[in-house]
Amino acid sequence: MSNDVIDLRDFYARRLGTVARRFVGRGIRALWRDTTGQRVAGIGYPTPYLGLFREEAERCLAFMPAAQGVLKWPSASPTLAALVDEYELPLPDASVDRLLLVHALEMSHDPASLLRESWRVLSAGGRLMAVVPNRRGLWARIDSTPFGHGRPYSRTQIMQLLREAWFTPVSWGDALYLPPVARGWFLRSAVAWERTGAMLWSPFAGVHIVEATKQVYRAVPARSEKRRLVPVLKPALVAPTPGGAAPAHGRVKRES
């Protein structure tokens, strides 16, 4: 079941969502430091993080799945968001340099097809970044946030999924070490929780942030050709017929 776009908007409007956006955005920016002149797109609900690149990228687009719904983005400018079928993006081949997946893979009914479509629209040497809930983290166990819905992933699972879809993981990050507690007094110490968690319990972060490159050339396994068994024919002497031609069936009937 997909997250509703209204619930996603409301979460990021609350204080806990603001804190989550800050820490996840910091992890995204640490891997993509400069996107100047590049074509950047996002799938899922990427708008809280696409703003990091909108001023420097050549273009910046948000694609939201039909099952989730769409909201106008940005609110005070011509819209850059569209409602789409995430398995058939309205983009030509190799038209995007960077592709950001947020609240996308864990909610998809067919994540492999989503990644294959992402592979199609990425340019040669293009990079994909996916933010996915960590199955060991607290955020995946509490459904009061969007990260508690859908299917969470371990590092091994997300690596295998990316490789099967023709991507090579190259960089990793984690975020949301603090528990998903919305109390004001707790959120005031969120920075301390995040720093302590990064040092002490890294495997239990709330989300994984993985960057992968598009594999342009893939090895195709060779198929071993089956050997055909050809029967060995033994030559036989055939007596000529009176007209000089051999009998049709290769045998001579002697006259008595």
C-alpha atoms as a PDB file:
ATOM      1  CA  MET A   1       0.000   0.000   0.000  1.00  0.00           C
ATOM      2  CA  SER A   2       1.462   3.364  -1.052  1.00  0.00           C
ATOM      3  CA  ASN A   3       1.788   6.387   1.176  1.00  0.00           C
ATOM      4  CA  ASP A   4      -0.754   9.060   0.403  1.00  0.00           C
ATOM      5  CA  VAL A   5       0.736  12.312  -0.821  1.00  0.00           C
ATOM      6  CA  ILE A   6      -1.238  14.293   1.770  1.00  0.00           C
ATOM      7  CA  ASP A   7       0.198  12.195   4.613  1.00  0.00           C
ATOM      8  CA  LEU A   8       3.698  12.707   3.227  1.00  0.00           C
ATOM      9  CA  ARG A   9       3.183  16.460   2.989  1.00  0.00           C
ATOM     10  CA  ASP A  10       1.819  16.625   6.535  1.00  0.00           C
ATOM     11  CA  PHE A  11       4.710  14.589   7.935  1.00  0.00           C
ATOM     12  CA  TYR A  12       7.338  16.900   6.475  1.00  0.00           C
ATOM     13  CA  ALA A  13       5.387  19.907   7.719  1.00  0.00           C
ATOM     14  CA  ARG A  14       5.648  18.685  11.313  1.00  0.00           C
ATOM     15  CA  ARG A  15       8.670  19.168  13.511  1.00  0.00           C
ATOM     16  CA  LEU A  16       9.793  15.522  13.345  1.00  0.00           C
ATOM     17  CA  GLY A  17       9.573  15.659   9.553  1.00  0.00           C
ATOM     18  CA  THR A  18      11.642  18.835   9.488  1.00  0.00           C
ATOM     19  CA  VAL A  19      14.341  17.131  11.540  1.00  0.00           C
ATOM     20  CA  ALA A  20      14.228  14.040   9.304  1.00  0.00           C
ATOM     21  CA  ARG A  21      14.521  16.180   6.180  1.00  0.00           C
ATOM     22  CA  ARG A  22      17.537  17.977   7.598  1.00  0.00           C
ATOM     23  CA  PHE A  23      19.479  14.791   8.434  1.00  0.00           C
ATOM     24  CA  VAL A  24      18.524  12.854   5.303  1.00  0.00           C
ATOM     25  CA  GLY A  25      19.224  15.911   3.151  1.00  0.00           C
ATOM     26  CA  ARG A  26      22.638  16.210   4.756  1.00  0.00           C
ATOM     27  CA  GLY A  27      23.407  12.603   3.786  1.00  0.00           C
ATOM     28  CA  ILE A  28      22.221  13.161   0.217  1.00  0.00           C
ATOM     29  CA  ARG A  29      24.253  16.326  -0.151  1.00  0.00           C
ATOM     30  CA  ALA A  30      27.369  14.594   1.178  1.00  0.00           C
ATOM     31  CA  LEU A  31      27.268  12.224  -1.818  1.00  0.00           C
ATOM     32  CA  TRP A  32      26.107  14.719  -4.458  1.00  0.00           C
ATOM     33  CA  ARG A  33      28.101  17.838  -3.666  1.00  0.00           C
ATOM     34  CA  ASP A  34      27.779  19.498  -7.066  1.00  0.00           C
ATOM     35  CA  THR A  35      25.124  19.028  -9.753  1.00  0.00           C
ATOM     36  CA  THR A  36      25.833  22.209 -11.690  1.00  0.00           C
ATOM     37  CA  GLY A  37      24.537  21.988 -15.257  1.00  0.00           C
ATOM     38  CA  GLN A  38      23.123  18.499 -14.801  1.00  0.00           C
ATOM     39  CA  ARG A  39      19.625  17.141 -15.344  1.00  0.00           C
ATOM     40  CA  VAL A  40      18.223  15.959 -12.014  1.00  0.00           C
ATOM     41  CA  ALA A  41      14.969  14.073 -11.459  1.00  0.00           C
ATOM     42  CA  GLY A  42      13.299  12.378  -8.519  1.00  0.00           C
ATOM     43  CA  ILE A  43      10.785   9.546  -8.180  1.00  0.00           C
ATOM     44  CA  GLY A  44       8.427   8.890  -5.267  1.00  0.00           C
ATOM     45  CA  TYR A  45       8.128  11.892  -2.975  1.00  0.00           C
ATOM     46  CA  PRO A  46      11.492  13.575  -3.562  1.00  0.00           C
ATOM     47  CA  THR A  47      10.438  17.223  -3.312  1.00  0.00           C
ATOM     48  CA  PRO A  48      11.694  17.820   0.268  1.00  0.00           C
ATOM     49  CA  TYR A  49      15.187  17.031  -1.054  1.00  0.00           C
ATOM     50  CA  LEU A  50      15.163  18.177  -4.688  1.00  0.00           C
ATOM     51  CA  GLY A  51      15.284  21.751  -3.443  1.00  0.00           C
ATOM     52  CA  LEU A  52      18.958  21.104  -2.631  1.00  0.00           C
ATOM     53  CA  PHE A  53      19.709  21.016  -6.360  1.00  0.00           C
ATOM     54  CA  ARG A  54      17.075  23.213  -8.006  1.00  0.00           C
ATOM     55  CA  GLU A  55      19.165  26.386  -8.063  1.00  0.00           C
ATOM     56  CA  GLU A  56      22.295  24.789  -9.535  1.00  0.00           C
ATOM     57  CA  ALA A  57      20.988  22.004 -11.806  1.00  0.00           C
ATOM     58  CA  GLU A  58      20.110  22.626 -15.448  1.00  0.00           C
ATOM     59  CA  ARG A  59      16.620  21.252 -14.743  1.00  0.00           C
ATOM     60  CA  CYS A  60      14.997  19.557 -11.789  1.00  0.00           C
ATOM     61  CA  LEU A  61      11.836  17.417 -12.112  1.00  0.00           C
ATOM     62  CA  ALA A  62       9.725  15.392  -9.664  1.00  0.00           C
ATOM     63  CA  PHE A  63       7.741  12.327 -10.741  1.00  0.00           C
ATOM     64  CA  MET A  64       5.144  11.022  -8.287  1.00  0.00           C
ATOM     65  CA  PRO A  65       3.460   7.603  -8.705  1.00  0.00           C
ATOM     66  CA  ALA A  66      -0.236   7.556  -9.576  1.00  0.00           C
ATOM     67  CA  ALA A  67      -1.084   5.379  -6.565  1.00  0.00           C
ATOM     68  CA  GLN A  68       0.426   7.993  -4.252  1.00  0.00           C
ATOM     69  CA  GLY A  69      -0.866  11.217  -5.792  1.00  0.00           C
ATOM     70  CA  VAL A  70       0.847  14.461  -6.708  1.00  0.00           C
ATOM     71  CA  LEU A  71       1.199  17.936  -5.227  1.00  0.00           C
ATOM     72  CA  LYS A  72       2.273  21.112  -6.968  1.00  0.00           C
ATOM     73  CA  TRP A  73       5.977  21.757  -6.589  1.00  0.00           C
ATOM     74  CA  PRO A  74       7.417  24.298  -6.155  1.00  0.00           C
ATOM     75  CA  SER A  75       4.465  26.120  -4.681  1.00  0.00           C
ATOM     76  CA  ALA A  76       5.392  29.637  -5.827  1.00  0.00           C
ATOM     77  CA  SER A  77       6.810  28.848  -9.306  1.00  0.00           C
ATOM     78  CA  PRO A  78       5.739  27.018 -12.462  1.00  0.00           C
ATOM     79  CA  THR A  79       5.178  23.400 -11.550  1.00  0.00           C
ATOM     80  CA  LEU A  80       7.994  20.895 -11.957  1.00  0.00           C
ATOM     81  CA  ALA A  81       6.079  17.864 -10.627  1.00  0.00           C
ATOM     82  CA  ALA A  82       3.996  15.342 -12.571  1.00  0.00           C
ATOM     83  CA  LEU A  83       1.787  12.350 -11.842  1.00  0.00           C
ATOM     84  CA  VAL A  84       3.200   9.319 -13.673  1.00  0.00           C
ATOM     85  CA  ASP A  85       3.282   5.580 -14.008  1.00  0.00           C
ATOM     86  CA  GLU A  86       6.628   4.917 -12.336  1.00  0.00           C
ATOM     87  CA  TYR A  87       7.237   1.923 -14.617  1.00  0.00           C
ATOM     88  CA  GLU A  88       6.792   4.029 -17.781  1.00  0.00           C
ATOM     89  CA  LEU A  89       8.338   7.433 -17.154  1.00  0.00           C
ATOM     90  CA  PRO A  90       7.512  10.165 -19.709  1.00  0.00           C
ATOM     91  CA  LEU A  91      11.177  10.619 -20.577  1.00  0.00           C
ATOM     92  CA  PRO A  92      13.306   9.538 -23.534  1.00  0.00           C
ATOM     93  CA  ASP A  93      16.226   7.165 -23.104  1.00  0.00           C
ATOM     94  CA  ALA A  94      19.378   8.525 -21.454  1.00  0.00           C
ATOM     95  CA  SER A  95      17.782  11.889 -20.653  1.00  0.00           C
ATOM     96  CA  VAL A  96      18.704  12.278 -16.951  1.00  0.00           C
ATOM     97  CA  ASP A  97      22.109  12.655 -15.289  1.00  0.00           C
ATOM     98  CA  ARG A  98      21.049  12.147 -11.646  1.00  0.00           C
ATOM     99  CA  LEU A  99      18.007  10.277 -10.376  1.00  0.00           C
ATOM    100  CA  LEU A 100      16.850  10.414  -6.744  1.00  0.00           C
ATOM    101  CA  LEU A 101      14.477   7.785  -5.318  1.00  0.00           C
ATOM    102  CA  VAL A 102      12.798   8.712  -2.018  1.00  0.00           C
ATOM    103  CA  HIS A 103       9.713   6.897  -0.627  1.00  0.00           C
ATOM    104  CA  ALA A 104       9.820   4.921  -3.862  1.00  0.00           C
ATOM    105  CA  LEU A 105      11.554   1.528  -3.720  1.00  0.00           C
ATOM    106  CA  GLU A 106      10.047   0.416  -0.419  1.00  0.00           C
ATOM    107  CA  MET A 107       6.536   1.294  -1.650  1.00  0.00           C
ATOM    108  CA  SER A 108       6.837  -0.168  -5.153  1.00  0.00           C
ATOM    109  CA  HIS A 109       4.982  -3.377  -6.020  1.00  0.00           C
ATOM    110  CA  ASP A 110       7.768  -4.208  -8.493  1.00  0.00           C
ATOM    111  CA  PRO A 111      11.043  -2.567  -7.402  1.00  0.00           C
ATOM    112  CA  ALA A 112      13.056  -4.422 -10.040  1.00  0.00           C
ATOM    113  CA  SER A 113      10.932  -2.931 -12.850  1.00  0.00           C
ATOM    114  CA  LEU A 114      11.210   0.515 -11.260  1.00  0.00           C
ATOM    115  CA  LEU A 115      14.992   0.242 -11.260  1.00  0.00           C
ATOM    116  CA  ARG A 116      15.040  -1.020 -14.844  1.00  0.00           C
ATOM    117  CA  GLU A 117      13.005   2.013 -15.900  1.00  0.00           C
ATOM    118  CA  SER A 118      15.405   4.200 -13.936  1.00  0.00           C
ATOM    119  CA  TRP A 119      18.278   2.571 -15.812  1.00  0.00           C
ATOM    120  CA  ARG A 120      16.607   3.386 -19.123  1.00  0.00           C
ATOM    121  CA  VAL A 121      16.243   7.123 -18.496  1.00  0.00           C
ATOM    122  CA  LEU A 122      19.717   7.579 -16.994  1.00  0.00           C
ATOM    123  CA  SER A 123      22.473   8.743 -19.287  1.00  0.00           C
ATOM    124  CA  ALA A 124      25.690   6.784 -19.756  1.00  0.00           C
ATOM    125  CA  GLY A 125      27.646   7.291 -16.556  1.00  0.00           C
ATOM    126  CA  GLY A 126      24.518   8.593 -14.833  1.00  0.00           C
ATOM    127  CA  ARG A 127      24.051   8.121 -11.096  1.00  0.00           C
ATOM    128  CA  LEU A 128      21.109   6.931  -9.065  1.00  0.00           C
ATOM    129  CA  MET A 129      20.601   7.571  -5.364  1.00  0.00           C
ATOM    130  CA  ALA A 130      18.050   5.657  -3.303  1.00  0.00           C
ATOM    131  CA  VAL A 131      16.913   6.464   0.231  1.00  0.00           C
ATOM    132  CA  VAL A 132      15.389   3.311   1.733  1.00  0.00           C
ATOM    133  CA  PRO A 133      14.351   2.364   5.287  1.00  0.00           C
ATOM    134  CA  ASN A 134      16.820   0.185   7.161  1.00  0.00           C
ATOM    135  CA  ARG A 135      15.157  -3.029   8.300  1.00  0.00           C
ATOM    136  CA  ARG A 136      17.208  -2.944  11.525  1.00  0.00           C
ATOM    137  CA  GLY A 137      16.302   0.617  12.407  1.00  0.00           C
ATOM    138  CA  LEU A 138      13.554   1.911  14.659  1.00  0.00           C
ATOM    139  CA  TRP A 139      12.050   4.073  11.918  1.00  0.00           C
ATOM    140  CA  ALA A 140      11.039   0.969   9.934  1.00  0.00           C
ATOM    141  CA  ARG A 141       9.230  -0.490  12.974  1.00  0.00           C
ATOM    142  CA  ILE A 142       6.999   2.481  13.801  1.00  0.00           C
ATOM    143  CA  ASP A 143       4.289   3.354  11.301  1.00  0.00           C
ATOM    144  CA  SER A 144       3.739   6.904  12.521  1.00  0.00           C
ATOM    145  CA  THR A 145       6.259   8.079   9.883  1.00  0.00           C
ATOM    146  CA  PRO A 146       6.433   7.332   6.129  1.00  0.00           C
ATOM    147  CA  PHE A 147       9.600   5.293   6.701  1.00  0.00           C
ATOM    148  CA  GLY A 148       7.546   2.762   8.665  1.00  0.00           C
ATOM    149  CA  HIS A 149       5.489   1.757   5.613  1.00  0.00           C
ATOM    150  CA  GLY A 150       6.389  -0.597   2.803  1.00  0.00           C
ATOM    151  CA  ARG A 151       9.310  -2.975   2.667  1.00  0.00           C
ATOM    152  CA  PRO A 152      12.556  -2.036   4.457  1.00  0.00           C
ATOM    153  CA  TYR A 153      15.900  -3.298   3.193  1.00  0.00           C
ATOM    154  CA  SER A 154      19.215  -4.436   4.599  1.00  0.00           C
ATOM    155  CA  ARG A 155      22.417  -3.388   2.847  1.00  0.00           C
ATOM    156  CA  THR A 156      22.805  -6.833   1.339  1.00  0.00           C
ATOM    157  CA  GLN A 157      19.268  -6.796  -0.051  1.00  0.00           C
ATOM    158  CA  ILE A 158      19.525  -3.365  -1.635  1.00  0.00           C
ATOM    159  CA  MET A 159      22.923  -4.223  -3.157  1.00  0.00           C
ATOM    160  CA  GLN A 160      21.527  -7.388  -4.713  1.00  0.00           C
ATOM    161  CA  LEU A 161      18.476  -5.542  -6.046  1.00  0.00           C
ATOM    162  CA  LEU A 162      20.621  -2.838  -7.647  1.00  0.00           C
ATOM    163  CA  ARG A 163      22.992  -5.320  -9.262  1.00  0.00           C
ATOM    164  CA  GLU A 164      20.137  -7.345 -10.717  1.00  0.00           C
ATOM    165  CA  ALA A 165      18.837  -4.129 -12.290  1.00  0.00           C
ATOM    166  CA  TRP A 166      22.244  -3.325 -13.878  1.00  0.00           C
ATOM    167  CA  PHE A 167      23.551  -0.832 -11.319  1.00  0.00           C
ATOM    168  CA  THR A 168      26.819  -0.849  -9.400  1.00  0.00           C
ATOM    169  CA  PRO A 169      26.680   0.541  -5.819  1.00  0.00           C
ATOM    170  CA  VAL A 170      29.580   2.939  -5.291  1.00  0.00           C
ATOM    171  CA  SER A 171      28.847   4.969  -2.135  1.00  0.00           C
ATOM    172  CA  TRP A 172      26.926   4.484   1.097  1.00  0.00           C
ATOM    173  CA  GLY A 173      25.535   6.738   3.759  1.00  0.00           C
ATOM    174  CA  ASP A 174      23.123   6.449   6.670  1.00  0.00           C
ATOM    175  CA  ALA A 175      20.844   8.841   8.514  1.00  0.00           C
ATOM    176  CA  LEU A 176      18.165   9.076  11.223  1.00  0.00           C
ATOM    177  CA  TYR A 177      19.979   7.553  14.172  1.00  0.00           C
ATOM    178  CA  LEU A 178      17.676   9.330  16.588  1.00  0.00           C
ATOM    179  CA  PRO A 179      14.466   7.463  17.547  1.00  0.00           C
ATOM    180  CA  PRO A 180      11.273   8.735  15.847  1.00  0.00           C
ATOM    181  CA  VAL A 181       9.980  10.559  18.923  1.00  0.00           C
ATOM    182  CA  ALA A 182       8.016  13.726  18.210  1.00  0.00           C
ATOM    183  CA  ARG A 183       8.333  15.298  21.685  1.00  0.00           C
ATOM    184  CA  GLY A 184       9.679  18.840  21.634  1.00  0.00           C
ATOM    185  CA  TRP A 185      12.177  18.342  24.453  1.00  0.00           C
ATOM    186  CA  PHE A 186      13.564  15.269  22.662  1.00  0.00           C
ATOM    187  CA  LEU A 187      13.898  16.926  19.269  1.00  0.00           C
ATOM    188  CA  ARG A 188      15.890  19.766  20.807  1.00  0.00           C
ATOM    189  CA  SER A 189      18.683  17.231  21.341  1.00  0.00           C
ATOM    190  CA  ALA A 190      18.326  15.661  17.888  1.00  0.00           C
ATOM    191  CA  VAL A 191      21.777  16.772  16.713  1.00  0.00           C
ATOM    192  CA  ALA A 192      23.424  15.100  19.708  1.00  0.00           C
ATOM    193  CA  TRP A 193      21.447  11.898  19.090  1.00  0.00           C
ATOM    194  CA  GLU A 194      22.473  11.879  15.434  1.00  0.00           C
ATOM    195  CA  ARG A 195      26.165  12.369  16.171  1.00  0.00           C
ATOM    196  CA  THR A 196      26.200   9.769  18.931  1.00  0.00           C
ATOM    197  CA  GLY A 197      24.312   7.248  16.829  1.00  0.00           C
ATOM    198  CA  ALA A 198      26.704   7.654  13.898  1.00  0.00           C
ATOM    199  CA  MET A 199      29.593   6.736  16.195  1.00  0.00           C
ATOM    200  CA  LEU A 200      28.028   3.981  18.328  1.00  0.00           C
ATOM    201  CA  TRP A 201      25.227   2.165  16.490  1.00  0.00           C
ATOM    202  CA  SER A 202      25.680   2.739  12.769  1.00  0.00           C
ATOM    203  CA  PRO A 203      23.995  -0.576  11.708  1.00  0.00           C
ATOM    204  CA  PHE A 204      20.745   0.639  13.311  1.00  0.00           C
ATOM    205  CA  ALA A 205      20.315   3.892  11.371  1.00  0.00           C
ATOM    206  CA  GLY A 206      16.800   4.720  10.223  1.00  0.00           C
ATOM    207  CA  VAL A 207      17.587   4.849   6.498  1.00  0.00           C
ATOM    208  CA  HIS A 208      20.245   3.743   4.057  1.00  0.00           C
ATOM    209  CA  ILE A 209      21.412   6.199   1.410  1.00  0.00           C
ATOM    210  CA  VAL A 210      23.043   4.363  -1.483  1.00  0.00           C
ATOM    211  CA  GLU A 211      24.533   5.808  -4.655  1.00  0.00           C
ATOM    212  CA  ALA A 212      24.939   3.602  -7.729  1.00  0.00           C
ATOM    213  CA  THR A 213      26.218   4.029 -11.265  1.00  0.00           C
ATOM    214  CA  LYS A 214      24.593   2.751 -14.412  1.00  0.00           C
ATOM    215  CA  GLN A 215      26.267  -0.275 -15.974  1.00  0.00           C
ATOM    216  CA  VAL A 216      26.489   0.534 -19.659  1.00  0.00           C
ATOM    217  CA  TYR A 217      28.291  -2.617 -20.746  1.00  0.00           C
ATOM    218  CA  ARG A 218      27.182  -5.911 -19.279  1.00  0.00           C
ATOM    219  CA  ALA A 219      28.683  -9.301 -19.865  1.00  0.00           C
ATOM    220  CA  VAL A 220      26.241 -11.664 -21.541  1.00  0.00           C
ATOM    221  CA  PRO A 221      26.798 -15.279 -20.462  1.00  0.00           C
ATOM    222  CA  ALA A 222      27.692 -17.519 -23.369  1.00  0.00           C
ATOM    223  CA  ARG A 223      25.366 -20.392 -24.020  1.00  0.00           C
ATOM    224  CA  SER A 224      27.020 -23.722 -24.587  1.00  0.00           C
ATOM    225  CA  GLU A 225      25.781 -25.125 -27.862  1.00  0.00           C
ATOM    226  CA  LYS A 226      24.504 -28.647 -27.702  1.00  0.00           C
ATOM    227  CA  ARG A 227      26.509 -31.075 -29.784  1.00  0.00           C
ATOM    228  CA  ARG A 228      24.544 -32.796 -32.498  1.00  0.00           C
ATOM    229  CA  LEU A 229      25.212 -36.469 -32.849  1.00  0.00           C
ATOM    230  CA  VAL A 230      25.659 -37.369 -36.506  1.00  0.00           C
ATOM    231  CA  PRO A 231      25.576 -41.099 -37.273  1.00  0.00           C
ATOM    232  CA  VAL A 232      28.646 -42.438 -39.007  1.00  0.00           C
ATOM    233  CA  LEU A 233      27.723 -43.941 -42.388  1.00  0.00           C
ATOM    234  CA  LYS A 234      29.704 -46.870 -43.699  1.00  0.00           C
ATOM    235  CA  PRO A 235      30.250 -46.907 -47.469  1.00  0.00           C
ATOM    236  CA  ALA A 236      28.813 -49.873 -49.380  1.00  0.00           C
ATOM    237  CA  LEU A 237      29.501 -51.077 -52.875  1.00  0.00           C
ATOM    238  CA  VAL A 238      26.489 -50.969 -55.123  1.00  0.00           C
ATOM    239  CA  ALA A 239      26.415 -52.769 -58.470  1.00  0.00           C
ATOM    240  CA  PRO A 240      25.399 -50.612 -61.424  1.00  0.00           C
ATOM    241  CA  THR A 241      22.128 -51.178 -63.210  1.00  0.00           C
ATOM    242  CA  PRO A 242      22.033 -52.004 -66.901  1.00  0.00           C
ATOM    243  CA  GLY A 243      21.290 -48.334 -67.665  1.00  0.00           C
ATOM    244  CA  GLY A 244      24.348 -47.165 -65.718  1.00  0.00           C
ATOM    245  CA  ALA A 245      22.469 -45.691 -62.736  1.00  0.00           C
ATOM    246  CA  ALA A 246      22.492 -47.076 -59.225  1.00  0.00           C
ATOM    247  CA  PRO A 247      19.237 -48.427 -57.800  1.00  0.00           C
ATOM    248  CA  ALA A 248      17.244 -45.975 -55.734  1.00  0.00           C
ATOM    249  CA  HIS A 249      17.457 -47.932 -52.502  1.00  0.00           C
ATOM    250  CA  GLY A 250      21.106 -48.850 -52.752  1.00  0.00           C
ATOM    251  CA  ARG A 251      20.530 -52.605 -53.196  1.00  0.00           C
ATOM    252  CA  VAL A 252      20.890 -54.808 -56.274  1.00  0.00           C
ATOM    253  CA  LYS A 253      18.419 -57.542 -56.944  1.00  0.00           C
ATOM    254  CA  ARG A 254      20.146 -60.347 -58.681  1.00  0.00           C
ATOM    255  CA  GLU A 255      18.302 -62.138 -61.407  1.00  0.00           C
ATOM    256  CA  SER A 256      18.123 -65.866 -61.067  1.00  0.00           C
END
